Amino acid sequence: MPVTYTIDPKLRRVVTTLTGVLTVQDLLTHYATVRADPLFDENLDELCDLSSVGSIEISSRAMSTLPHSVPFSARSRHALIASRPAIVGLARMFQQWSADETKTRVFTDRSAAEAWLLEPES
């Protein structure tokens, strides 16, 4: 699965786009790549676009470990964008297993996800 990302220091955000077949190894490799990027700061937020993911090859057991592998700090917020029901379900599982569910939200609309990340934290 191709994974691309950009780091926007002005918005203090990592924008990740995933396409094709989603696997655990692809995500772990992506996390390691982001962590090693000199522009990366663990307190950045993440906008993760899953809307072009075609299929998922991740067990629920493996999914339960992924939130603990992300390179972001507990202060970071994660806006996950998904449109297909199976991908929305996967994103909700990720949210459920995150250390703080309030820091992760699932959206079907990119502009709503971006707006949430711009909101001040309550």
C-alpha atoms as a PDB file:
ATOM      1  CA  MET A   1       0.000   0.000   0.000  1.00  0.00           C
ATOM      2  CA  PRO A   2       1.425   3.359  -0.918  1.00  0.00           C
ATOM      3  CA  VAL A   3       1.649   5.764   2.002  1.00  0.00           C
ATOM      4  CA  THR A   4       2.559   9.384   1.464  1.00  0.00           C
ATOM      5  CA  TYR A   5       2.831  12.148   3.990  1.00  0.00           C
ATOM      6  CA  THR A   6       3.730  15.787   4.332  1.00  0.00           C
ATOM      7  CA  ILE A   7       4.580  17.750   7.426  1.00  0.00           C
ATOM      8  CA  ASP A   8       3.035  21.208   7.628  1.00  0.00           C
ATOM      9  CA  PRO A   9       4.945  23.088  10.358  1.00  0.00           C
ATOM     10  CA  LYS A  10       2.673  26.143  10.031  1.00  0.00           C
ATOM     11  CA  LEU A  11      -0.457  24.105  10.846  1.00  0.00           C
ATOM     12  CA  ARG A  12       1.560  21.809  13.177  1.00  0.00           C
ATOM     13  CA  ARG A  13       0.206  18.807  11.316  1.00  0.00           C
ATOM     14  CA  VAL A  14       1.251  15.621   9.558  1.00  0.00           C
ATOM     15  CA  VAL A  15      -0.984  14.882   6.567  1.00  0.00           C
ATOM     16  CA  THR A  16      -0.940  11.182   5.693  1.00  0.00           C
ATOM     17  CA  THR A  17      -2.617   9.631   2.648  1.00  0.00           C
ATOM     18  CA  LEU A  18      -3.055   5.868   2.362  1.00  0.00           C
ATOM     19  CA  THR A  19      -4.171   4.042  -0.769  1.00  0.00           C
ATOM     20  CA  GLY A  20      -4.669   0.476  -1.935  1.00  0.00           C
ATOM     21  CA  VAL A  21      -4.317  -2.476   0.445  1.00  0.00           C
ATOM     22  CA  LEU A  22      -3.792  -1.574   4.103  1.00  0.00           C
ATOM     23  CA  THR A  23      -1.369  -3.820   6.041  1.00  0.00           C
ATOM     24  CA  VAL A  24       0.181  -3.652   9.490  1.00  0.00           C
ATOM     25  CA  GLN A  25       3.706  -3.658   8.063  1.00  0.00           C
ATOM     26  CA  ASP A  26       2.942  -0.680   5.827  1.00  0.00           C
ATOM     27  CA  LEU A  27       1.690   1.299   8.822  1.00  0.00           C
ATOM     28  CA  LEU A  28       4.650   0.354  11.024  1.00  0.00           C
ATOM     29  CA  THR A  29       7.076   1.322   8.241  1.00  0.00           C
ATOM     30  CA  HIS A  30       5.249   4.632   7.822  1.00  0.00           C
ATOM     31  CA  TYR A  31       5.446   5.331  11.574  1.00  0.00           C
ATOM     32  CA  ALA A  32       9.205   4.682  11.539  1.00  0.00           C
ATOM     33  CA  THR A  33       9.682   6.940   8.494  1.00  0.00           C
ATOM     34  CA  VAL A  34       7.723   9.798  10.057  1.00  0.00           C
ATOM     35  CA  ARG A  35       9.544   9.406  13.379  1.00  0.00           C
ATOM     36  CA  ALA A  36      12.901   9.734  11.554  1.00  0.00           C
ATOM     37  CA  ASP A  37      11.881  12.830   9.544  1.00  0.00           C
ATOM     38  CA  PRO A  38      13.822  15.889  10.798  1.00  0.00           C
ATOM     39  CA  LEU A  39      10.672  18.043  10.524  1.00  0.00           C
ATOM     40  CA  PHE A  40       8.693  15.701  12.744  1.00  0.00           C
ATOM     41  CA  ASP A  41       7.699  16.755  16.252  1.00  0.00           C
ATOM     42  CA  GLU A  42       5.802  14.198  18.329  1.00  0.00           C
ATOM     43  CA  ASN A  43       3.321  16.888  19.436  1.00  0.00           C
ATOM     44  CA  LEU A  44       2.052  17.532  15.902  1.00  0.00           C
ATOM     45  CA  ASP A  45      -1.516  16.582  15.042  1.00  0.00           C
ATOM     46  CA  GLU A  46      -2.337  14.141  12.252  1.00  0.00           C
ATOM     47  CA  LEU A  47      -4.804  14.281   9.386  1.00  0.00           C
ATOM     48  CA  CYS A  48      -4.965  10.739   8.017  1.00  0.00           C
ATOM     49  CA  ASP A  49      -6.876  10.230   4.774  1.00  0.00           C
ATOM     50  CA  LEU A  50      -8.028   6.617   4.353  1.00  0.00           C
ATOM     51  CA  SER A  51     -10.633   7.392   1.693  1.00  0.00           C
ATOM     52  CA  SER A  52      -8.604   5.679  -1.073  1.00  0.00           C
ATOM     53  CA  VAL A  53      -7.900   2.484   0.858  1.00  0.00           C
ATOM     54  CA  GLY A  54      -9.317  -0.382  -1.183  1.00  0.00           C
ATOM     55  CA  SER A  55      -9.022  -3.243   1.288  1.00  0.00           C
ATOM     56  CA  ILE A  56      -7.747  -4.103   4.751  1.00  0.00           C
ATOM     57  CA  GLU A  57      -5.400  -6.929   5.665  1.00  0.00           C
ATOM     58  CA  ILE A  58      -5.210  -6.269   9.403  1.00  0.00           C
ATOM     59  CA  SER A  59      -6.608  -8.531  12.101  1.00  0.00           C
ATOM     60  CA  SER A  60      -8.448  -6.984  15.027  1.00  0.00           C
ATOM     61  CA  ARG A  61      -5.668  -8.262  17.291  1.00  0.00           C
ATOM     62  CA  ALA A  62      -3.030  -6.453  15.240  1.00  0.00           C
ATOM     63  CA  MET A  63      -5.228  -3.350  15.081  1.00  0.00           C
ATOM     64  CA  SER A  64      -5.364  -3.253  18.885  1.00  0.00           C
ATOM     65  CA  THR A  65      -1.577  -2.777  19.020  1.00  0.00           C
ATOM     66  CA  LEU A  66      -1.288  -0.040  16.372  1.00  0.00           C
ATOM     67  CA  PRO A  67      -2.361   2.931  18.515  1.00  0.00           C
ATOM     68  CA  HIS A  68       0.565   2.147  20.825  1.00  0.00           C
ATOM     69  CA  SER A  69       3.024   2.257  17.904  1.00  0.00           C
ATOM     70  CA  VAL A  70       2.223   5.708  16.548  1.00  0.00           C
ATOM     71  CA  PRO A  71       5.082   8.202  16.765  1.00  0.00           C
ATOM     72  CA  PHE A  72       2.844  10.939  18.152  1.00  0.00           C
ATOM     73  CA  SER A  73       2.581  12.032  21.772  1.00  0.00           C
ATOM     74  CA  ALA A  74      -0.530  11.689  23.927  1.00  0.00           C
ATOM     75  CA  ARG A  75      -1.166  15.404  23.316  1.00  0.00           C
ATOM     76  CA  SER A  76      -1.594  14.940  19.540  1.00  0.00           C
ATOM     77  CA  ARG A  77      -4.985  14.762  17.891  1.00  0.00           C
ATOM     78  CA  HIS A  78      -5.761  12.388  15.017  1.00  0.00           C
ATOM     79  CA  ALA A  79      -8.448  13.125  12.429  1.00  0.00           C
ATOM     80  CA  LEU A  80      -9.124   9.994  10.370  1.00  0.00           C
ATOM     81  CA  ILE A  81     -11.016  10.390   7.100  1.00  0.00           C
ATOM     82  CA  ALA A  82     -12.816   7.334   5.740  1.00  0.00           C
ATOM     83  CA  SER A  83     -15.759   6.876   3.426  1.00  0.00           C
ATOM     84  CA  ARG A  84     -16.222   3.116   2.951  1.00  0.00           C
ATOM     85  CA  PRO A  85     -18.047   1.338   5.813  1.00  0.00           C
ATOM     86  CA  ALA A  86     -15.272  -1.232   6.384  1.00  0.00           C
ATOM     87  CA  ILE A  87     -12.634   1.506   6.585  1.00  0.00           C
ATOM     88  CA  VAL A  88     -14.811   3.612   8.888  1.00  0.00           C
ATOM     89  CA  GLY A  89     -15.086   0.544  11.129  1.00  0.00           C
ATOM     90  CA  LEU A  90     -11.309   0.093  11.111  1.00  0.00           C
ATOM     91  CA  ALA A  91     -10.805   3.766  11.979  1.00  0.00           C
ATOM     92  CA  ARG A  92     -13.296   3.474  14.857  1.00  0.00           C
ATOM     93  CA  MET A  93     -11.400   0.434  16.173  1.00  0.00           C
ATOM     94  CA  PHE A  94      -8.197   2.500  16.102  1.00  0.00           C
ATOM     95  CA  GLN A  95     -10.011   5.265  17.982  1.00  0.00           C
ATOM     96  CA  GLN A  96     -11.384   2.844  20.560  1.00  0.00           C
ATOM     97  CA  TRP A  97      -7.964   1.371  21.313  1.00  0.00           C
ATOM     98  CA  SER A  98      -6.227   4.757  21.498  1.00  0.00           C
ATOM     99  CA  ALA A  99      -4.954   5.872  24.903  1.00  0.00           C
ATOM    100  CA  ASP A 100      -7.378   8.824  24.856  1.00  0.00           C
ATOM    101  CA  GLU A 101     -10.386   8.326  22.568  1.00  0.00           C
ATOM    102  CA  THR A 102     -11.176  12.054  22.679  1.00  0.00           C
ATOM    103  CA  LYS A 103      -7.926  12.765  20.798  1.00  0.00           C
ATOM    104  CA  THR A 104      -8.985  10.659  17.797  1.00  0.00           C
ATOM    105  CA  ARG A 105     -12.048  11.277  15.653  1.00  0.00           C
ATOM    106  CA  VAL A 106     -13.366   9.638  12.512  1.00  0.00           C
ATOM    107  CA  PHE A 107     -14.795  11.781   9.722  1.00  0.00           C
ATOM    108  CA  THR A 108     -16.300  11.099   6.307  1.00  0.00           C
ATOM    109  CA  ASP A 109     -15.627  14.667   5.178  1.00  0.00           C
ATOM    110  CA  ARG A 110     -12.126  16.161   4.874  1.00  0.00           C
ATOM    111  CA  SER A 111     -13.197  19.749   5.571  1.00  0.00           C
ATOM    112  CA  ALA A 112     -14.879  18.666   8.825  1.00  0.00           C
ATOM    113  CA  ALA A 113     -11.700  16.825   9.854  1.00  0.00           C
ATOM    114  CA  GLU A 114      -9.553  19.863   9.096  1.00  0.00           C
ATOM    115  CA  ALA A 115     -11.954  22.148  10.992  1.00  0.00           C
ATOM    116  CA  TRP A 116     -11.802  19.896  14.076  1.00  0.00           C
ATOM    117  CA  LEU A 117      -8.005  20.008  14.080  1.00  0.00           C
ATOM    118  CA  LEU A 118      -8.139  23.818  13.952  1.00  0.00           C
ATOM    119  CA  GLU A 119     -10.513  24.034  16.936  1.00  0.00           C
ATOM    120  CA  PRO A 120      -8.894  24.902  20.240  1.00  0.00           C
ATOM    121  CA  GLU A 121      -8.816  21.946  22.585  1.00  0.00           C
ATOM    122  CA  SER A 122     -11.354  22.011  25.375  1.00  0.00           C
END
